[in-house]
PDB file of N, CA and C in Angstrom:
ATOM      1  N   MET A   1     -16.769  -8.925   6.695  1.00  0.00           N
ATOM      2  CA  MET A   1     -16.543  -7.558   5.842  1.00  0.00           C
ATOM      3  C   MET A   1     -14.977  -7.648   5.738  1.00  0.00           C
ATOM      4  N   ALA A   2     -14.840  -7.295   4.339  1.00  0.00           N
ATOM      5  CA  ALA A   2     -13.153  -7.164   3.950  1.00  0.00           C
ATOM      6  C   ALA A   2     -12.567  -6.217   4.494  1.00  0.00           C
ATOM      7  N   ARG A   3     -11.229  -6.418   4.768  1.00  0.00           N
ATOM      8  CA  ARG A   3     -10.373  -5.401   5.162  1.00  0.00           C
ATOM      9  C   ARG A   3      -9.919  -4.782   3.863  1.00  0.00           C
ATOM     10  N   ASN A   4      -9.544  -3.581   4.007  1.00  0.00           N
ATOM     11  CA  ASN A   4      -8.931  -2.559   2.930  1.00  0.00           C
ATOM     12  C   ASN A   4      -7.676  -2.036   3.408  1.00  0.00           C
ATOM     13  N   PRO A   5      -6.692  -1.857   2.446  1.00  0.00           N
ATOM     14  CA  PRO A   5      -5.454  -1.282   2.805  1.00  0.00           C
ATOM     15  C   PRO A   5      -5.316   0.261   2.650  1.00  0.00           C
ATOM     16  N   VAL A   6      -4.709   0.977   3.616  1.00  0.00           N
ATOM     17  CA  VAL A   6      -4.835   2.373   3.494  1.00  0.00           C
ATOM     18  C   VAL A   6      -3.476   2.903   3.665  1.00  0.00           C
ATOM     19  N   VAL A   7      -3.129   3.957   2.846  1.00  0.00           N
ATOM     20  CA  VAL A   7      -1.804   4.325   3.047  1.00  0.00           C
ATOM     21  C   VAL A   7      -1.657   5.820   3.932  1.00  0.00           C
ATOM     22  N   ASP A   8      -0.919   6.086   4.811  1.00  0.00           N
ATOM     23  CA  ASP A   8      -0.591   7.336   5.378  1.00  0.00           C
ATOM     24  C   ASP A   8       0.211   8.218   4.666  1.00  0.00           C
ATOM     25  N   GLN A   9      -0.252   8.784   3.911  1.00  0.00           N
ATOM     26  CA  GLN A   9       0.411   9.602   2.968  1.00  0.00           C
ATOM     27  C   GLN A   9       1.612  10.734   3.583  1.00  0.00           C
ATOM     28  N   GLU A  10       1.135  11.094   4.729  1.00  0.00           N
ATOM     29  CA  GLU A  10       2.068  12.142   5.426  1.00  0.00           C
ATOM     30  C   GLU A  10       3.192  11.323   5.870  1.00  0.00           C
ATOM     31  N   ALA A  11       3.293   9.990   6.303  1.00  0.00           N
ATOM     32  CA  ALA A  11       4.489   9.209   6.594  1.00  0.00           C
ATOM     33  C   ALA A  11       5.233   8.629   5.353  1.00  0.00           C
ATOM     34  N   CYS A  12       4.539   8.468   4.264  1.00  0.00           N
ATOM     35  CA  CYS A  12       5.107   7.780   2.955  1.00  0.00           C
ATOM     36  C   CYS A  12       6.300   8.601   2.702  1.00  0.00           C
ATOM     37  N   ILE A  13       7.538   7.886   2.217  1.00  0.00           N
ATOM     38  CA  ILE A  13       8.628   8.578   1.761  1.00  0.00           C
ATOM     39  C   ILE A  13       9.004   8.005   0.443  1.00  0.00           C
ATOM     40  N   SER A  14       7.933   7.727  -0.255  1.00  0.00           N
ATOM     41  CA  SER A  14       8.047   7.531  -1.883  1.00  0.00           C
ATOM     42  C   SER A  14       9.049   6.432  -2.206  1.00  0.00           C
ATOM     43  N   CYS A  15       9.315   5.447  -1.392  1.00  0.00           N
ATOM     44  CA  CYS A  15      10.374   4.376  -1.631  1.00  0.00           C
ATOM     45  C   CYS A  15       9.893   3.391  -2.673  1.00  0.00           C
ATOM     46  N   ASN A  16       8.713   3.507  -3.019  1.00  0.00           N
ATOM     47  CA  ASN A  16       8.090   2.615  -4.264  1.00  0.00           C
ATOM     48  C   ASN A  16       8.009   0.969  -3.895  1.00  0.00           C
ATOM     49  N   LEU A  17       8.366   0.753  -2.773  1.00  0.00           N
ATOM     50  CA  LEU A  17       8.385  -0.763  -2.618  1.00  0.00           C
ATOM     51  C   LEU A  17       7.216  -1.440  -2.667  1.00  0.00           C
ATOM     52  N   CYS A  18       6.131  -0.820  -1.945  1.00  0.00           N
ATOM     53  CA  CYS A  18       4.667  -1.387  -2.140  1.00  0.00           C
ATOM     54  C   CYS A  18       4.171  -1.599  -3.663  1.00  0.00           C
ATOM     55  N   VAL A  19       4.513  -0.688  -4.376  1.00  0.00           N
ATOM     56  CA  VAL A  19       4.356  -0.645  -5.886  1.00  0.00           C
ATOM     57  C   VAL A  19       5.059  -1.682  -6.551  1.00  0.00           C
ATOM     58  N   ASP A  20       6.215  -1.833  -6.207  1.00  0.00           N
ATOM     59  CA  ASP A  20       7.269  -3.119  -6.693  1.00  0.00           C
ATOM     60  C   ASP A  20       6.479  -4.465  -6.276  1.00  0.00           C
ATOM     61  N   LEU A  21       5.991  -4.416  -4.994  1.00  0.00           N
ATOM     62  CA  LEU A  21       5.552  -5.663  -4.589  1.00  0.00           C
ATOM     63  C   LEU A  21       4.109  -6.092  -5.013  1.00  0.00           C
ATOM     64  N   VAL A  22       3.236  -4.988  -5.080  1.00  0.00           N
ATOM     65  CA  VAL A  22       1.794  -5.140  -5.363  1.00  0.00           C
ATOM     66  C   VAL A  22       1.564  -4.117  -6.227  1.00  0.00           C
ATOM     67  N   PRO A  23       1.936  -4.096  -7.410  1.00  0.00           N
ATOM     68  CA  PRO A  23       1.292  -3.183  -8.371  1.00  0.00           C
ATOM     69  C   PRO A  23      -0.194  -3.187  -8.787  1.00  0.00           C
ATOM     70  N   GLU A  24      -0.728  -4.336  -8.544  1.00  0.00           N
ATOM     71  CA  GLU A  24      -2.187  -4.439  -8.676  1.00  0.00           C
ATOM     72  C   GLU A  24      -3.031  -3.489  -7.718  1.00  0.00           C
ATOM     73  N   VAL A  25      -2.455  -3.291  -6.648  1.00  0.00           N
ATOM     74  CA  VAL A  25      -3.070  -2.446  -5.509  1.00  0.00           C
ATOM     75  C   VAL A  25      -2.617  -1.009  -5.309  1.00  0.00           C
ATOM     76  N   PHE A  26      -1.322  -0.827  -5.426  1.00  0.00           N
ATOM     77  CA  PHE A  26      -0.671   0.355  -5.174  1.00  0.00           C
ATOM     78  C   PHE A  26       0.094   0.957  -6.319  1.00  0.00           C
ATOM     79  N   ARG A  27       0.116   2.502  -6.204  1.00  0.00           N
ATOM     80  CA  ARG A  27       0.638   3.219  -7.227  1.00  0.00           C
ATOM     81  C   ARG A  27       1.093   4.530  -6.485  1.00  0.00           C
ATOM     82  N   LEU A  28       1.854   5.071  -7.349  1.00  0.00           N
ATOM     83  CA  LEU A  28       2.357   6.535  -6.718  1.00  0.00           C
ATOM     84  C   LEU A  28       1.524   7.582  -7.548  1.00  0.00           C
ATOM     85  N   ASN A  29       1.161   8.368  -6.560  1.00  0.00           N
ATOM     86  CA  ASN A  29       0.033   9.559  -7.160  1.00  0.00           C
ATOM     87  C   ASN A  29       1.018  10.710  -7.668  1.00  0.00           C
ATOM     88  N   ALA A  30       0.271  11.662  -8.258  1.00  0.00           N
ATOM     89  CA  ALA A  30       0.888  12.955  -8.718  1.00  0.00           C
ATOM     90  C   ALA A  30       1.842  13.499  -8.016  1.00  0.00           C
ATOM     91  N   ASP A  31       1.728  13.440  -6.764  1.00  0.00           N
ATOM     92  CA  ASP A  31       2.784  13.983  -5.497  1.00  0.00           C
ATOM     93  C   ASP A  31       3.865  12.919  -5.173  1.00  0.00           C
ATOM     94  N   GLY A  32       3.849  11.851  -5.883  1.00  0.00           N
ATOM     95  CA  GLY A  32       4.970  10.834  -5.733  1.00  0.00           C
ATOM     96  C   GLY A  32       4.661  10.082  -4.449  1.00  0.00           C
ATOM     97  N   LEU A  33       3.520   9.837  -4.009  1.00  0.00           N
ATOM     98  CA  LEU A  33       3.116   9.308  -2.577  1.00  0.00           C
ATOM     99  C   LEU A  33       2.528   8.036  -3.127  1.00  0.00           C
ATOM    100  N   ALA A  34       2.615   7.084  -2.337  1.00  0.00           N
ATOM    101  CA  ALA A  34       1.828   5.790  -2.491  1.00  0.00           C
ATOM    102  C   ALA A  34       0.523   6.010  -2.163  1.00  0.00           C
ATOM    103  N   GLU A  35      -0.279   5.359  -2.814  1.00  0.00           N
ATOM    104  CA  GLU A  35      -1.651   5.305  -2.682  1.00  0.00           C
ATOM    105  C   GLU A  35      -2.349   3.856  -3.012  1.00  0.00           C
ATOM    106  N   VAL A  36      -3.582   3.593  -2.576  1.00  0.00           N
ATOM    107  CA  VAL A  36      -4.314   2.293  -3.039  1.00  0.00           C
ATOM    108  C   VAL A  36      -5.178   2.820  -3.954  1.00  0.00           C
ATOM    109  N   TYR A  37      -5.167   2.182  -5.100  1.00  0.00           N
ATOM    110  CA  TYR A  37      -5.906   2.373  -6.054  1.00  0.00           C
ATOM    111  C   TYR A  37      -7.183   1.202  -6.585  1.00  0.00           C
ATOM    112  N   ALA A  38      -6.675   0.106  -6.068  1.00  0.00           N
ATOM    113  CA  ALA A  38      -7.473  -1.148  -6.225  1.00  0.00           C
ATOM    114  C   ALA A  38      -7.437  -2.050  -4.960  1.00  0.00           C
ATOM    115  N   ALA A  39      -8.357  -1.716  -3.977  1.00  0.00           N
ATOM    116  CA  ALA A  39      -7.866  -2.270  -2.572  1.00  0.00           C
ATOM    117  C   ALA A  39      -8.238  -3.835  -2.687  1.00  0.00           C
ATOM    118  N   ASN A  40      -8.762  -4.382  -3.803  1.00  0.00           N
ATOM    119  CA  ASN A  40      -9.230  -5.925  -3.838  1.00  0.00           C
ATOM    120  C   ASN A  40      -8.483  -6.401  -5.185  1.00  0.00           C
ATOM    121  N   GLY A  41      -7.499  -5.735  -5.472  1.00  0.00           N
ATOM    122  CA  GLY A  41      -6.731  -5.925  -6.592  1.00  0.00           C
ATOM    123  C   GLY A  41      -5.782  -7.390  -6.361  1.00  0.00           C
ATOM    124  N   ALA A  42      -5.388  -7.627  -5.160  1.00  0.00           N
ATOM    125  CA  ALA A  42      -4.334  -8.776  -4.904  1.00  0.00           C
ATOM    126  C   ALA A  42      -4.928  -9.560  -3.621  1.00  0.00           C
ATOM    127  N   PRO A  43      -4.606 -10.573  -3.542  1.00  0.00           N
ATOM    128  CA  PRO A  43      -4.875 -11.451  -2.313  1.00  0.00           C
ATOM    129  C   PRO A  43      -4.574 -10.833  -1.060  1.00  0.00           C
ATOM    130  N   GLU A  44      -4.868 -10.827   0.118  1.00  0.00           N
ATOM    131  CA  GLU A  44      -4.485 -10.271   1.322  1.00  0.00           C
ATOM    132  C   GLU A  44      -3.050 -10.528   1.682  1.00  0.00           C
ATOM    133  N   GLU A  45      -2.705 -11.868   1.443  1.00  0.00           N
ATOM    134  CA  GLU A  45      -1.440 -12.243   1.797  1.00  0.00           C
ATOM    135  C   GLU A  45      -0.515 -11.450   0.949  1.00  0.00           C
ATOM    136  N   LYS A  46      -0.449 -11.161  -0.264  1.00  0.00           N
ATOM    137  CA  LYS A  46       0.284 -10.392  -0.959  1.00  0.00           C
ATOM    138  C   LYS A  46       0.441  -8.890  -0.349  1.00  0.00           C
ATOM    139  N   ILE A  47      -0.789  -8.454  -0.120  1.00  0.00           N
ATOM    140  CA  ILE A  47      -0.799  -7.012   0.501  1.00  0.00           C
ATOM    141  C   ILE A  47       0.029  -6.770   1.772  1.00  0.00           C
ATOM    142  N   GLN A  48      -0.291  -7.945   2.661  1.00  0.00           N
ATOM    143  CA  GLN A  48       0.263  -8.059   4.035  1.00  0.00           C
ATOM    144  C   GLN A  48       1.793  -8.004   3.836  1.00  0.00           C
ATOM    145  N   ASP A  49       2.348  -8.720   2.643  1.00  0.00           N
ATOM    146  CA  ASP A  49       3.759  -8.435   2.460  1.00  0.00           C
ATOM    147  C   ASP A  49       4.234  -6.985   2.170  1.00  0.00           C
ATOM    148  N   ALA A  50       3.520  -6.421   1.537  1.00  0.00           N
ATOM    149  CA  ALA A  50       3.745  -4.875   1.511  1.00  0.00           C
ATOM    150  C   ALA A  50       3.783  -4.167   2.589  1.00  0.00           C
ATOM    151  N   ILE A  51       2.601  -4.294   3.587  1.00  0.00           N
ATOM    152  CA  ILE A  51       2.632  -3.776   4.713  1.00  0.00           C
ATOM    153  C   ILE A  51       3.748  -4.319   5.915  1.00  0.00           C
ATOM    154  N   ASP A  52       4.089  -5.450   5.677  1.00  0.00           N
ATOM    155  CA  ASP A  52       5.320  -5.842   6.495  1.00  0.00           C
ATOM    156  C   ASP A  52       6.605  -5.468   6.179  1.00  0.00           C
ATOM    157  N   ASN A  53       6.783  -5.036   4.796  1.00  0.00           N
ATOM    158  CA  ASN A  53       8.026  -4.586   4.362  1.00  0.00           C
ATOM    159  C   ASN A  53       8.165  -2.983   4.421  1.00  0.00           C
ATOM    160  N   CYS A  54       6.950  -2.390   4.387  1.00  0.00           N
ATOM    161  CA  CYS A  54       7.339  -0.853   4.273  1.00  0.00           C
ATOM    162  C   CYS A  54       8.068  -0.435   5.372  1.00  0.00           C
ATOM    163  N   PRO A  55       9.152   0.412   4.891  1.00  0.00           N
ATOM    164  CA  PRO A  55      10.320   0.808   5.881  1.00  0.00           C
ATOM    165  C   PRO A  55       9.594   1.848   6.868  1.00  0.00           C
ATOM    166  N   VAL A  56       8.601   2.598   6.652  1.00  0.00           N
ATOM    167  CA  VAL A  56       8.244   3.383   7.434  1.00  0.00           C
ATOM    168  C   VAL A  56       6.907   3.064   8.155  1.00  0.00           C
ATOM    169  N   ASN A  57       6.303   1.811   7.844  1.00  0.00           N
ATOM    170  CA  ASN A  57       5.009   1.308   8.349  1.00  0.00           C
ATOM    171  C   ASN A  57       3.893   2.403   8.267  1.00  0.00           C
ATOM    172  N   CYS A  58       3.750   2.872   6.758  1.00  0.00           N
ATOM    173  CA  CYS A  58       2.807   3.705   6.548  1.00  0.00           C
ATOM    174  C   CYS A  58       1.490   3.264   6.048  1.00  0.00           C
ATOM    175  N   ILE A  59       1.628   1.796   5.951  1.00  0.00           N
ATOM    176  CA  ILE A  59       0.337   1.038   5.129  1.00  0.00           C
ATOM    177  C   ILE A  59      -0.231   0.275   6.305  1.00  0.00           C
ATOM    178  N   ALA A  60      -1.539   0.348   6.431  1.00  0.00           N
ATOM    179  CA  ALA A  60      -2.179  -0.644   7.485  1.00  0.00           C
ATOM    180  C   ALA A  60      -3.529  -1.072   6.895  1.00  0.00           C
ATOM    181  N   TRP A  61      -4.272  -1.881   7.679  1.00  0.00           N
ATOM    182  CA  TRP A  61      -5.675  -2.492   7.184  1.00  0.00           C
ATOM    183  C   TRP A  61      -6.593  -1.582   7.965  1.00  0.00           C
ATOM    184  N   GLU A  62      -7.600  -1.220   7.175  1.00  0.00           N
ATOM    185  CA  GLU A  62      -8.770  -0.408   7.675  1.00  0.00           C
ATOM    186  C   GLU A  62     -10.155  -1.428   7.695  1.00  0.00           C
ATOM    187  N   ASP A  63     -10.639  -1.609   8.698  1.00  0.00           N
ATOM    188  CA  ASP A  63     -11.887  -2.488   8.630  1.00  0.00           C
ATOM    189  C   ASP A  63     -13.088  -1.720   8.189  1.00  0.00           C
TER     190      ASP A  63
END
């Protein structure tokens, strides 16, 4: 079963880093918070890079 990235929007600080790194998966919503819009839009390694670089650790894998 594939893992899907999720964003804790309560912790998100709208830094846009995940969108810059993986625009195929992440975008900012109408409230300016990161969200996943295409969980399978990029390889797991690229998504992991966004997870590892998030300054507030608000992105994680959900099984």
